[in-house]
Amino acid sequence: MNHDLSRRALEALLAEEYRLGHLNKPDLRRLLGFETGYEIDGFLKAHNVYEDYTMEDFEREREALKSLGF
């Protein structure tokens, strides 16, 4: 039980630090002991942390697809 509480507290702290921009995905992966990016994405989703997707991001991707013929 105490281990579960400690883990939940660690995860909450790390999710908040990521949200604030103090940690990146490789940091999270190392600190949480995850092996894949898929695990990190699931962790972030479970903690309601979503990456900002701006209009600039959209335009950059749209231009990249256009240059590939899509």
Protein backbone atom coordinates (compact mmCIF):
# COMPACT_ATOMS: atom_id res chain seq x y z
CA MET A 1 0.00 0.00 0.00
CA ASN A 2 2.75 2.46 0.94
CA HIS A 3 4.57 1.63 -2.29
CA ASP A 4 1.41 2.41 -4.28
CA LEU A 5 1.03 5.76 -2.52
CA SER A 6 4.68 6.60 -3.11
CA ARG A 7 4.39 5.69 -6.79
CA ARG A 8 1.21 7.74 -7.24
CA ALA A 9 2.84 10.74 -5.56
CA LEU A 10 5.92 10.38 -7.79
CA GLU A 11 3.79 10.12 -10.92
CA ALA A 12 1.72 13.17 -9.97
CA LEU A 13 4.87 15.20 -9.33
CA LEU A 14 6.51 14.13 -12.59
CA ALA A 15 3.35 14.79 -14.61
CA GLU A 16 3.18 18.31 -13.21
CA GLU A 17 6.87 18.96 -13.83
CA TYR A 18 6.41 17.81 -17.44
CA ARG A 19 3.33 20.02 -17.81
CA LEU A 20 5.38 23.00 -16.56
CA GLY A 21 8.16 22.24 -19.04
CA HIS A 22 10.71 21.25 -16.41
CA LEU A 23 11.04 17.70 -17.75
CA ASN A 24 10.95 16.19 -21.23
CA LYS A 25 9.82 12.75 -22.42
CA PRO A 26 13.28 11.14 -22.11
CA ASP A 27 13.43 12.41 -18.52
CA LEU A 28 10.03 10.89 -17.77
CA ARG A 29 10.97 7.62 -19.39
CA ARG A 30 14.12 7.32 -17.28
CA LEU A 31 12.53 8.46 -14.01
CA LEU A 32 9.48 6.23 -14.38
CA GLY A 33 11.41 3.23 -15.68
CA PHE A 34 9.42 2.98 -18.91
CA GLU A 35 10.86 1.25 -21.94
CA THR A 36 8.79 2.74 -24.74
CA GLY A 37 7.41 6.06 -25.89
CA TYR A 38 4.01 4.39 -26.01
CA GLU A 39 4.15 3.97 -22.21
CA ILE A 40 5.00 7.66 -21.82
CA ASP A 41 2.09 8.68 -24.04
CA GLY A 42 -0.25 6.50 -21.97
CA PHE A 43 1.13 7.94 -18.75
CA LEU A 44 0.61 11.51 -19.96
CA LYS A 45 -2.92 10.74 -21.16
CA ALA A 46 -3.77 9.10 -17.83
CA HIS A 47 -2.62 12.27 -16.07
CA ASN A 48 -4.54 14.55 -18.46
CA VAL A 49 -1.37 16.07 -19.90
CA TYR A 50 -1.76 16.91 -23.55
CA GLU A 51 0.76 18.57 -25.82
CA ASP A 52 -0.16 21.89 -27.35
CA TYR A 53 -0.80 21.70 -31.07
CA THR A 54 -0.65 25.14 -32.60
CA MET A 55 -1.74 26.50 -35.94
CA GLU A 56 1.95 26.80 -36.79
CA ASP A 57 2.34 23.06 -36.16
CA PHE A 58 -0.66 22.38 -38.41
CA GLU A 59 0.66 24.62 -41.20
CA ARG A 60 4.13 23.05 -41.02
CA GLU A 61 2.66 19.56 -41.31
CA ARG A 62 0.29 20.64 -44.08
CA GLU A 63 3.19 22.09 -46.08
CA ALA A 64 5.25 18.94 -45.53
CA LEU A 65 2.40 16.76 -46.80
CA LYS A 66 1.86 19.09 -49.76
CA SER A 67 5.53 18.80 -50.70
CA LEU A 68 5.14 15.01 -50.67
CA GLY A 69 2.22 15.22 -53.08
CA PHE A 70 -0.66 14.81 -50.67
